[in-house]
Amino acid sequence: MSSEERGRSSYLDLLITTLMEHEKNLDALIEKFEKLCENLQAVYKEAGKAKKTDAKATSLEEKTDLPSGNQDTLVYLKVKINRPIDEVIRILETLKE
């Protein structure tokens, strides 16, 4: 083996060793990224569940804040009908009874 061939062989050995180390480092980084992705997915799912639970609690609070029957309530209703006003008043008075 000539000195030039030994130099190439040494260079190839160094290149192979370096590439193997890079491969090991990349494998370790990929494993860390996989764990990170799994953790992020778990956090995202928990945040979604918490948001749904919070939304349900908020809607429940809104429902419970309705006025009780003891208070006077005024309701405005706009209805388009083709009847005279006197007839509509009689119908409404009948419904009150």
PDB file of N, CA and C in Angstrom:
ATOM      1  N   MET A   1       0.835  -1.159   0.000  1.00  0.00           N
ATOM      2  CA  MET A   1       0.000   0.000   0.000  1.00  0.00           C
ATOM      3  C   MET A   1       0.890   1.235   0.000  1.00  0.00           C
ATOM      4  N   SER A   2       0.621   2.121  -0.913  1.00  0.00           N
ATOM      5  CA  SER A   2       1.418   3.337  -0.984  1.00  0.00           C
ATOM      6  C   SER A   2       0.899   4.348   0.035  1.00  0.00           C
ATOM      7  N   SER A   3       1.665   5.389   0.210  1.00  0.00           N
ATOM      8  CA  SER A   3       1.287   6.411   1.194  1.00  0.00           C
ATOM      9  C   SER A   3      -0.008   7.117   0.773  1.00  0.00           C
ATOM     10  N   GLU A   4      -0.210   7.245  -0.521  1.00  0.00           N
ATOM     11  CA  GLU A   4      -1.440   7.875  -1.010  1.00  0.00           C
ATOM     12  C   GLU A   4      -2.652   7.010  -0.681  1.00  0.00           C
ATOM     13  N   GLU A   5      -2.511   5.699  -0.836  1.00  0.00           N
ATOM     14  CA  GLU A   5      -3.606   4.778  -0.509  1.00  0.00           C
ATOM     15  C   GLU A   5      -3.869   4.763   0.989  1.00  0.00           C
ATOM     16  N   ARG A   6      -2.786   4.836   1.787  1.00  0.00           N
ATOM     17  CA  ARG A   6      -2.962   4.885   3.246  1.00  0.00           C
ATOM     18  C   ARG A   6      -3.682   6.173   3.655  1.00  0.00           C
ATOM     19  N   GLY A   7      -3.355   7.247   3.001  1.00  0.00           N
ATOM     20  CA  GLY A   7      -4.014   8.528   3.285  1.00  0.00           C
ATOM     21  C   GLY A   7      -5.510   8.467   2.962  1.00  0.00           C
ATOM     22  N   ARG A   8      -5.830   7.856   1.809  1.00  0.00           N
ATOM     23  CA  ARG A   8      -7.241   7.701   1.437  1.00  0.00           C
ATOM     24  C   ARG A   8      -7.963   6.793   2.420  1.00  0.00           C
ATOM     25  N   SER A   9      -7.294   5.725   2.802  1.00  0.00           N
ATOM     26  CA  SER A   9      -7.879   4.777   3.754  1.00  0.00           C
ATOM     27  C   SER A   9      -8.128   5.453   5.102  1.00  0.00           C
ATOM     28  N   SER A  10      -7.150   6.239   5.551  1.00  0.00           N
ATOM     29  CA  SER A  10      -7.314   6.961   6.817  1.00  0.00           C
ATOM     30  C   SER A  10      -8.452   7.980   6.711  1.00  0.00           C
ATOM     31  N   TYR A  11      -8.512   8.667   5.587  1.00  0.00           N
ATOM     32  CA  TYR A  11      -9.579   9.641   5.379  1.00  0.00           C
ATOM     33  C   TYR A  11     -10.945   8.956   5.388  1.00  0.00           C
ATOM     34  N   LEU A  12     -11.050   7.816   4.699  1.00  0.00           N
ATOM     35  CA  LEU A  12     -12.309   7.079   4.666  1.00  0.00           C
ATOM     36  C   LEU A  12     -12.692   6.577   6.055  1.00  0.00           C
ATOM     37  N   ASP A  13     -11.702   6.094   6.826  1.00  0.00           N
ATOM     38  CA  ASP A  13     -11.970   5.642   8.200  1.00  0.00           C
ATOM     39  C   ASP A  13     -12.501   6.798   9.047  1.00  0.00           C
ATOM     40  N   LEU A  14     -11.855   7.969   8.925  1.00  0.00           N
ATOM     41  CA  LEU A  14     -12.294   9.143   9.668  1.00  0.00           C
ATOM     42  C   LEU A  14     -13.707   9.560   9.243  1.00  0.00           C
ATOM     43  N   LEU A  15     -13.956   9.526   7.944  1.00  0.00           N
ATOM     44  CA  LEU A  15     -15.269   9.885   7.419  1.00  0.00           C
ATOM     45  C   LEU A  15     -16.347   8.924   7.927  1.00  0.00           C
ATOM     46  N   ILE A  16     -16.057   7.635   7.909  1.00  0.00           N
ATOM     47  CA  ILE A  16     -17.007   6.626   8.391  1.00  0.00           C
ATOM     48  C   ILE A  16     -17.281   6.813   9.879  1.00  0.00           C
ATOM     49  N   THR A  17     -16.229   7.031  10.651  1.00  0.00           N
ATOM     50  CA  THR A  17     -16.384   7.228  12.091  1.00  0.00           C
ATOM     51  C   THR A  17     -17.220   8.473  12.381  1.00  0.00           C
ATOM     52  N   THR A  18     -16.931   9.550  11.657  1.00  0.00           N
ATOM     53  CA  THR A  18     -17.673  10.796  11.851  1.00  0.00           C
ATOM     54  C   THR A  18     -19.146  10.619  11.491  1.00  0.00           C
ATOM     55  N   LEU A  19     -19.397   9.947  10.368  1.00  0.00           N
ATOM     56  CA  LEU A  19     -20.779   9.715   9.952  1.00  0.00           C
ATOM     57  C   LEU A  19     -21.527   8.833  10.945  1.00  0.00           C
ATOM     58  N   MET A  20     -20.841   7.848  11.514  1.00  0.00           N
ATOM     59  CA  MET A  20     -21.472   6.984  12.514  1.00  0.00           C
ATOM     60  C   MET A  20     -21.835   7.780  13.769  1.00  0.00           C
ATOM     61  N   GLU A  21     -20.949   8.684  14.185  1.00  0.00           N
ATOM     62  CA  GLU A  21     -21.236   9.528  15.347  1.00  0.00           C
ATOM     63  C   GLU A  21     -22.424  10.459  15.065  1.00  0.00           C
ATOM     64  N   HIS A  22     -22.450  11.023  13.859  1.00  0.00           N
ATOM     65  CA  HIS A  22     -23.575  11.878  13.476  1.00  0.00           C
ATOM     66  C   HIS A  22     -24.887  11.089  13.474  1.00  0.00           C
ATOM     67  N   GLU A  23     -24.825   9.858  12.991  1.00  0.00           N
ATOM     68  CA  GLU A  23     -26.019   9.013  12.972  1.00  0.00           C
ATOM     69  C   GLU A  23     -26.524   8.751  14.396  1.00  0.00           C
ATOM     70  N   LYS A  24     -25.594   8.472  15.321  1.00  0.00           N
ATOM     71  CA  LYS A  24     -25.977   8.250  16.719  1.00  0.00           C
ATOM     72  C   LYS A  24     -26.607   9.512  17.309  1.00  0.00           C
ATOM     73  N   ASN A  25     -25.984  10.656  17.033  1.00  0.00           N
ATOM     74  CA  ASN A  25     -26.524  11.924  17.536  1.00  0.00           C
ATOM     75  C   ASN A  25     -27.914  12.214  16.960  1.00  0.00           C
ATOM     76  N   LEU A  26     -28.066  11.957  15.659  1.00  0.00           N
ATOM     77  CA  LEU A  26     -29.364  12.178  15.029  1.00  0.00           C
ATOM     78  C   LEU A  26     -30.429  11.248  15.608  1.00  0.00           C
ATOM     79  N   ASP A  27     -30.074   9.984  15.850  1.00  0.00           N
ATOM     80  CA  ASP A  27     -31.022   9.044  16.459  1.00  0.00           C
ATOM     81  C   ASP A  27     -31.468   9.542  17.830  1.00  0.00           C
ATOM     82  N   ALA A  28     -30.516  10.029  18.629  1.00  0.00           N
ATOM     83  CA  ALA A  28     -30.849  10.548  19.960  1.00  0.00           C
ATOM     84  C   ALA A  28     -31.763  11.770  19.844  1.00  0.00           C
ATOM     85  N   LEU A  29     -31.461  12.661  18.900  1.00  0.00           N
ATOM     86  CA  LEU A  29     -32.299  13.847  18.705  1.00  0.00           C
ATOM     87  C   LEU A  29     -33.702  13.481  18.223  1.00  0.00           C
ATOM     88  N   ILE A  30     -33.787  12.500  17.331  1.00  0.00           N
ATOM     89  CA  ILE A  30     -35.092  12.061  16.837  1.00  0.00           C
ATOM     90  C   ILE A  30     -35.927  11.484  17.973  1.00  0.00           C
ATOM     91  N   GLU A  31     -35.306  10.707  18.852  1.00  0.00           N
ATOM     92  CA  GLU A  31     -36.029  10.159  20.007  1.00  0.00           C
ATOM     93  C   GLU A  31     -36.537  11.285  20.907  1.00  0.00           C
ATOM     94  N   LYS A  32     -35.697  12.294  21.119  1.00  0.00           N
ATOM     95  CA  LYS A  32     -36.126  13.430  21.942  1.00  0.00           C
ATOM     96  C   LYS A  32     -37.292  14.168  21.288  1.00  0.00           C
ATOM     97  N   PHE A  33     -37.231  14.355  19.967  1.00  0.00           N
ATOM     98  CA  PHE A  33     -38.321  15.013  19.256  1.00  0.00           C
ATOM     99  C   PHE A  33     -39.607  14.197  19.320  1.00  0.00           C
ATOM    100  N   GLU A  34     -39.494  12.877  19.221  1.00  0.00           N
ATOM    101  CA  GLU A  34     -40.678  12.024  19.329  1.00  0.00           C
ATOM    102  C   GLU A  34     -41.328  12.165  20.703  1.00  0.00           C
ATOM    103  N   LYS A  35     -40.504  12.160  21.755  1.00  0.00           N
ATOM    104  CA  LYS A  35     -41.041  12.339  23.108  1.00  0.00           C
ATOM    105  C   LYS A  35     -41.685  13.715  23.250  1.00  0.00           C
ATOM    106  N   LEU A  36     -41.035  14.722  22.688  1.00  0.00           N
ATOM    107  CA  LEU A  36     -41.570  16.077  22.744  1.00  0.00           C
ATOM    108  C   LEU A  36     -42.920  16.162  22.027  1.00  0.00           C
ATOM    109  N   CYS A  37     -43.019  15.537  20.859  1.00  0.00           N
ATOM    110  CA  CYS A  37     -44.285  15.540  20.115  1.00  0.00           C
ATOM    111  C   CYS A  37     -45.383  14.833  20.897  1.00  0.00           C
ATOM    112  N   GLU A  38     -45.063  13.713  21.514  1.00  0.00           N
ATOM    113  CA  GLU A  38     -46.048  12.994  22.329  1.00  0.00           C
ATOM    114  C   GLU A  38     -46.515  13.860  23.495  1.00  0.00           C
ATOM    115  N   ASN A  39     -45.570  14.530  24.145  1.00  0.00           N
ATOM    116  CA  ASN A  39     -45.928  15.407  25.263  1.00  0.00           C
ATOM    117  C   ASN A  39     -46.796  16.576  24.802  1.00  0.00           C
ATOM    118  N   LEU A  40     -46.456  17.155  23.647  1.00  0.00           N
ATOM    119  CA  LEU A  40     -47.250  18.261  23.118  1.00  0.00           C
ATOM    120  C   LEU A  40     -48.662  17.808  22.760  1.00  0.00           C
ATOM    121  N   GLN A  41     -48.785  16.610  22.183  1.00  0.00           N
ATOM    122  CA  GLN A  41     -50.108  16.087  21.858  1.00  0.00           C
ATOM    123  C   GLN A  41     -50.933  15.882  23.121  1.00  0.00           C
ATOM    124  N   ALA A  42     -50.308  15.364  24.176  1.00  0.00           N
ATOM    125  CA  ALA A  42     -51.015  15.157  25.440  1.00  0.00           C
ATOM    126  C   ALA A  42     -51.471  16.492  26.025  1.00  0.00           C
ATOM    127  N   VAL A  43     -50.595  17.487  25.976  1.00  0.00           N
ATOM    128  CA  VAL A  43     -50.950  18.816  26.493  1.00  0.00           C
ATOM    129  C   VAL A  43     -52.081  19.421  25.663  1.00  0.00           C
ATOM    130  N   TYR A  44     -52.020  19.258  24.347  1.00  0.00           N
ATOM    131  CA  TYR A  44     -53.056  19.794  23.466  1.00  0.00           C
ATOM    132  C   TYR A  44     -54.408  19.139  23.766  1.00  0.00           C
ATOM    133  N   LYS A  45     -54.413  17.829  23.965  1.00  0.00           N
ATOM    134  CA  LYS A  45     -55.660  17.132  24.288  1.00  0.00           C
ATOM    135  C   LYS A  45     -56.214  17.603  25.625  1.00  0.00           C
ATOM    136  N   GLU A  46     -55.346  17.759  26.615  1.00  0.00           N
ATOM    137  CA  GLU A  46     -55.789  18.224  27.933  1.00  0.00           C
ATOM    138  C   GLU A  46     -56.347  19.643  27.849  1.00  0.00           C
ATOM    139  N   ALA A  47     -55.695  20.489  27.047  1.00  0.00           N
ATOM    140  CA  ALA A  47     -56.181  21.865  26.891  1.00  0.00           C
ATOM    141  C   ALA A  47     -57.548  21.868  26.212  1.00  0.00           C
ATOM    142  N   GLY A  48     -57.731  20.998  25.231  1.00  0.00           N
ATOM    143  CA  GLY A  48     -59.032  20.894  24.568  1.00  0.00           C
ATOM    144  C   GLY A  48     -60.117  20.437  25.524  1.00  0.00           C
ATOM    145  N   LYS A  49     -59.799  19.455  26.369  1.00  0.00           N
ATOM    146  CA  LYS A  49     -60.769  18.977  27.360  1.00  0.00           C
ATOM    147  C   LYS A  49     -61.097  20.075  28.355  1.00  0.00           C
ATOM    148  N   ALA A  50     -60.074  20.798  28.791  1.00  0.00           N
ATOM    149  CA  ALA A  50     -60.289  21.882  29.755  1.00  0.00           C
ATOM    150  C   ALA A  50     -61.142  22.984  29.133  1.00  0.00           C
ATOM    151  N   LYS A  51     -60.911  23.281  27.868  1.00  0.00           N
ATOM    152  CA  LYS A  51     -61.676  24.326  27.191  1.00  0.00           C
ATOM    153  C   LYS A  51     -63.140  23.915  27.069  1.00  0.00           C
ATOM    154  N   LYS A  52     -63.383  22.627  26.720  1.00  0.00           N
ATOM    155  CA  LYS A  52     -64.759  22.141  26.621  1.00  0.00           C
ATOM    156  C   LYS A  52     -65.440  22.194  27.978  1.00  0.00           C
ATOM    157  N   THR A  53     -64.733  21.776  29.020  1.00  0.00           N
ATOM    158  CA  THR A  53     -65.298  21.789  30.367  1.00  0.00           C
ATOM    159  C   THR A  53     -65.599  23.215  30.802  1.00  0.00           C
ATOM    160  N   ASP A  54     -64.691  24.141  30.491  1.00  0.00           N
ATOM    161  CA  ASP A  54     -64.887  25.547  30.841  1.00  0.00           C
ATOM    162  C   ASP A  54     -66.080  26.124  30.087  1.00  0.00           C
ATOM    163  N   ALA A  55     -66.213  25.763  28.816  1.00  0.00           N
ATOM    164  CA  ALA A  55     -67.342  26.257  28.024  1.00  0.00           C
ATOM    165  C   ALA A  55     -68.656  25.721  28.583  1.00  0.00           C
ATOM    166  N   LYS A  56     -68.668  24.453  28.991  1.00  0.00           N
ATOM    167  CA  LYS A  56     -69.883  23.881  29.576  1.00  0.00           C
ATOM    168  C   LYS A  56     -70.218  24.579  30.887  1.00  0.00           C
ATOM    169  N   ALA A  57     -69.218  24.846  31.701  1.00  0.00           N
ATOM    170  CA  ALA A  57     -69.452  25.521  32.979  1.00  0.00           C
ATOM    171  C   ALA A  57     -69.975  26.934  32.746  1.00  0.00           C
ATOM    172  N   THR A  58     -69.434  27.623  31.761  1.00  0.00           N
ATOM    173  CA  THR A  58     -69.880  28.979  31.454  1.00  0.00           C
ATOM    174  C   THR A  58     -71.328  28.972  30.983  1.00  0.00           C
ATOM    175  N   SER A  59     -71.673  28.031  30.093  1.00  0.00           N
ATOM    176  CA  SER A  59     -73.051  27.974  29.612  1.00  0.00           C
ATOM    177  C   SER A  59     -74.001  27.590  30.737  1.00  0.00           C
ATOM    178  N   LEU A  60     -73.560  26.741  31.655  1.00  0.00           N
ATOM    179  CA  LEU A  60     -74.383  26.376  32.800  1.00  0.00           C
ATOM    180  C   LEU A  60     -74.602  27.581  33.704  1.00  0.00           C
ATOM    181  N   GLU A  61     -73.563  28.387  33.913  1.00  0.00           N
ATOM    182  CA  GLU A  61     -73.694  29.595  34.726  1.00  0.00           C
ATOM    183  C   GLU A  61     -74.664  30.575  34.074  1.00  0.00           C
ATOM    184  N   GLU A  62     -74.600  30.693  32.750  1.00  0.00           N
ATOM    185  CA  GLU A  62     -75.513  31.593  32.052  1.00  0.00           C
ATOM    186  C   GLU A  62     -76.955  31.113  32.204  1.00  0.00           C
ATOM    187  N   LYS A  63     -77.158  29.812  32.156  1.00  0.00           N
ATOM    188  CA  LYS A  63     -78.502  29.269  32.296  1.00  0.00           C
ATOM    189  C   LYS A  63     -79.041  29.489  33.706  1.00  0.00           C
ATOM    190  N   THR A  64     -78.191  29.395  34.700  1.00  0.00           N
ATOM    191  CA  THR A  64     -78.654  29.560  36.073  1.00  0.00           C
ATOM    192  C   THR A  64     -78.868  31.020  36.437  1.00  0.00           C
ATOM    193  N   ASP A  65     -78.383  31.953  35.625  1.00  0.00           N
ATOM    194  CA  ASP A  65     -78.563  33.375  35.905  1.00  0.00           C
ATOM    195  C   ASP A  65     -79.877  33.921  35.353  1.00  0.00           C
ATOM    196  N   LEU A  66     -80.781  33.046  34.916  1.00  0.00           N
ATOM    197  CA  LEU A  66     -82.052  33.501  34.390  1.00  0.00           C
ATOM    198  C   LEU A  66     -82.896  34.087  35.517  1.00  0.00           C
ATOM    199  N   PRO A  67     -83.718  35.078  35.228  1.00  0.00           N
ATOM    200  CA  PRO A  67     -84.538  35.676  36.282  1.00  0.00           C
ATOM    201  C   PRO A  67     -85.560  34.676  36.805  1.00  0.00           C
ATOM    202  N   SER A  68     -85.839  34.756  38.083  1.00  0.00           N
ATOM    203  CA  SER A  68     -86.805  33.843  38.687  1.00  0.00           C
ATOM    204  C   SER A  68     -88.220  34.289  38.354  1.00  0.00           C
ATOM    205  N   GLY A  69     -89.202  33.432  38.627  1.00  0.00           N
ATOM    206  CA  GLY A  69     -90.590  33.733  38.316  1.00  0.00           C
ATOM    207  C   GLY A  69     -91.174  34.811  39.205  1.00  0.00           C
ATOM    208  N   ASN A  70     -90.536  35.159  40.308  1.00  0.00           N
ATOM    209  CA  ASN A  70     -91.052  36.166  41.229  1.00  0.00           C
ATOM    210  C   ASN A  70     -90.899  37.580  40.690  1.00  0.00           C
ATOM    211  N   GLN A  71     -90.006  37.779  39.750  1.00  0.00           N
ATOM    212  CA  GLN A  71     -89.748  39.112  39.225  1.00  0.00           C
ATOM    213  C   GLN A  71     -90.704  39.414  38.075  1.00  0.00           C
ATOM    214  N   ASP A  72     -91.017  40.693  37.908  1.00  0.00           N
ATOM    215  CA  ASP A  72     -91.825  41.102  36.766  1.00  0.00           C
ATOM    216  C   ASP A  72     -90.957  41.088  35.524  1.00  0.00           C
ATOM    217  N   THR A  73     -91.488  40.531  34.456  1.00  0.00           N
ATOM    218  CA  THR A  73     -90.728  40.414  33.220  1.00  0.00           C
ATOM    219  C   THR A  73     -91.524  41.051  32.094  1.00  0.00           C
ATOM    220  N   LEU A  74     -90.851  41.820  31.294  1.00  0.00           N
ATOM    221  CA  LEU A  74     -91.476  42.462  30.155  1.00  0.00           C
ATOM    222  C   LEU A  74     -90.876  41.858  28.895  1.00  0.00           C
ATOM    223  N   VAL A  75     -91.741  41.348  28.031  1.00  0.00           N
ATOM    224  CA  VAL A  75     -91.275  40.698  26.814  1.00  0.00           C
ATOM    225  C   VAL A  75     -91.835  41.469  25.627  1.00  0.00           C
ATOM    226  N   TYR A  76     -90.958  41.817  24.706  1.00  0.00           N
ATOM    227  CA  TYR A  76     -91.372  42.470  23.474  1.00  0.00           C
ATOM    228  C   TYR A  76     -91.407  41.421  22.386  1.00  0.00           C
ATOM    229  N   LEU A  77     -92.490  41.431  21.638  1.00  0.00           N
ATOM    230  CA  LEU A  77     -92.649  40.440  20.590  1.00  0.00           C
ATOM    231  C   LEU A  77     -93.225  41.134  19.364  1.00  0.00           C
ATOM    232  N   LYS A  78     -92.554  40.990  18.257  1.00  0.00           N
ATOM    233  CA  LYS A  78     -93.044  41.595  17.019  1.00  0.00           C
ATOM    234  C   LYS A  78     -93.557  40.463  16.140  1.00  0.00           C
ATOM    235  N   VAL A  79     -94.865  40.512  15.882  1.00  0.00           N
ATOM    236  CA  VAL A  79     -95.501  39.453  15.106  1.00  0.00           C
ATOM    237  C   VAL A  79     -96.208  40.090  13.918  1.00  0.00           C
ATOM    238  N   LYS A  80     -96.022  39.490  12.773  1.00  0.00           N
ATOM    239  CA  LYS A  80     -96.668  40.005  11.571  1.00  0.00           C
ATOM    240  C   LYS A  80     -97.885  39.121  11.291  1.00  0.00           C
ATOM    241  N   ILE A  81     -99.068  39.673  11.549  1.00  0.00           N
ATOM    242  CA  ILE A  81    -100.308  38.932  11.300  1.00  0.00           C
ATOM    243  C   ILE A  81    -101.263  39.831  10.522  1.00  0.00           C
ATOM    244  N   ASN A  82    -102.199  39.213   9.868  1.00  0.00           N
ATOM    245  CA  ASN A  82    -103.172  39.966   9.069  1.00  0.00           C
ATOM    246  C   ASN A  82    -104.527  39.974   9.781  1.00  0.00           C
ATOM    247  N   ARG A  83    -104.543  40.433  11.026  1.00  0.00           N
ATOM    248  CA  ARG A  83    -105.777  40.523  11.808  1.00  0.00           C
ATOM    249  C   ARG A  83    -105.886  41.928  12.380  1.00  0.00           C
ATOM    250  N   PRO A  84    -107.082  42.342  12.665  1.00  0.00           N
ATOM    251  CA  PRO A  84    -107.246  43.661  13.290  1.00  0.00           C
ATOM    252  C   PRO A  84    -106.709  43.647  14.718  1.00  0.00           C
ATOM    253  N   ILE A  85    -106.279  44.790  15.187  1.00  0.00           N
ATOM    254  CA  ILE A  85    -105.648  44.898  16.498  1.00  0.00           C
ATOM    255  C   ILE A  85    -106.593  44.515  17.631  1.00  0.00           C
ATOM    256  N   ASP A  86    -107.880  44.809  17.482  1.00  0.00           N
ATOM    257  CA  ASP A  86    -108.851  44.452  18.530  1.00  0.00           C
ATOM    258  C   ASP A  86    -108.928  42.936  18.711  1.00  0.00           C
ATOM    259  N   GLU A  87    -108.897  42.231  17.613  1.00  0.00           N
ATOM    260  CA  GLU A  87    -108.961  40.770  17.678  1.00  0.00           C
ATOM    261  C   GLU A  87    -107.704  40.201  18.332  1.00  0.00           C
ATOM    262  N   VAL A  88    -106.550  40.762  18.012  1.00  0.00           N
ATOM    263  CA  VAL A  88    -105.285  40.313  18.601  1.00  0.00           C
ATOM    264  C   VAL A  88    -105.291  40.566  20.103  1.00  0.00           C
ATOM    265  N   ILE A  89    -105.823  41.716  20.525  1.00  0.00           N
ATOM    266  CA  ILE A  89    -105.891  42.035  21.957  1.00  0.00           C
ATOM    267  C   ILE A  89    -106.791  41.037  22.672  1.00  0.00           C
ATOM    268  N   ARG A  90    -107.929  40.691  22.079  1.00  0.00           N
ATOM    269  CA  ARG A  90    -108.824  39.703  22.699  1.00  0.00           C
ATOM    270  C   ARG A  90    -108.144  38.340  22.815  1.00  0.00           C
ATOM    271  N   ILE A  91    -107.381  37.942  21.790  1.00  0.00           N
ATOM    272  CA  ILE A  91    -106.667  36.655  21.823  1.00  0.00           C
ATOM    273  C   ILE A  91    -105.638  36.660  22.948  1.00  0.00           C
ATOM    274  N   LEU A  92    -104.899  37.746  23.071  1.00  0.00           N
ATOM    275  CA  LEU A  92    -103.883  37.836  24.122  1.00  0.00           C
ATOM    276  C   LEU A  92    -104.501  37.840  25.515  1.00  0.00           C
ATOM    277  N   GLU A  93    -105.610  38.520  25.677  1.00  0.00           N
ATOM    278  CA  GLU A  93    -106.276  38.525  26.978  1.00  0.00           C
ATOM    279  C   GLU A  93    -106.791  37.138  27.332  1.00  0.00           C
ATOM    280  N   THR A  94    -107.252  36.405  26.344  1.00  0.00           N
ATOM    281  CA  THR A  94    -107.701  35.039  26.592  1.00  0.00           C
ATOM    282  C   THR A  94    -106.544  34.155  27.008  1.00  0.00           C
ATOM    283  N   LEU A  95    -105.387  34.376  26.414  1.00  0.00           N
ATOM    284  CA  LEU A  95    -104.205  33.573  26.762  1.00  0.00           C
ATOM    285  C   LEU A  95    -103.715  33.879  28.171  1.00  0.00           C
ATOM    286  N   LYS A  96    -103.902  35.097  28.634  1.00  0.00           N
ATOM    287  CA  LYS A  96    -103.480  35.464  29.989  1.00  0.00           C
ATOM    288  C   LYS A  96    -104.260  34.685  31.031  1.00  0.00           C
ATOM    289  N   GLU A  97    -105.547  34.461  30.767  1.00  0.00           N
ATOM    290  CA  GLU A  97    -106.401  33.764  31.731  1.00  0.00           C
ATOM    291  C   GLU A  97    -106.004  32.329  31.769  1.00  0.00           C
TER     292      GLU A  97
END
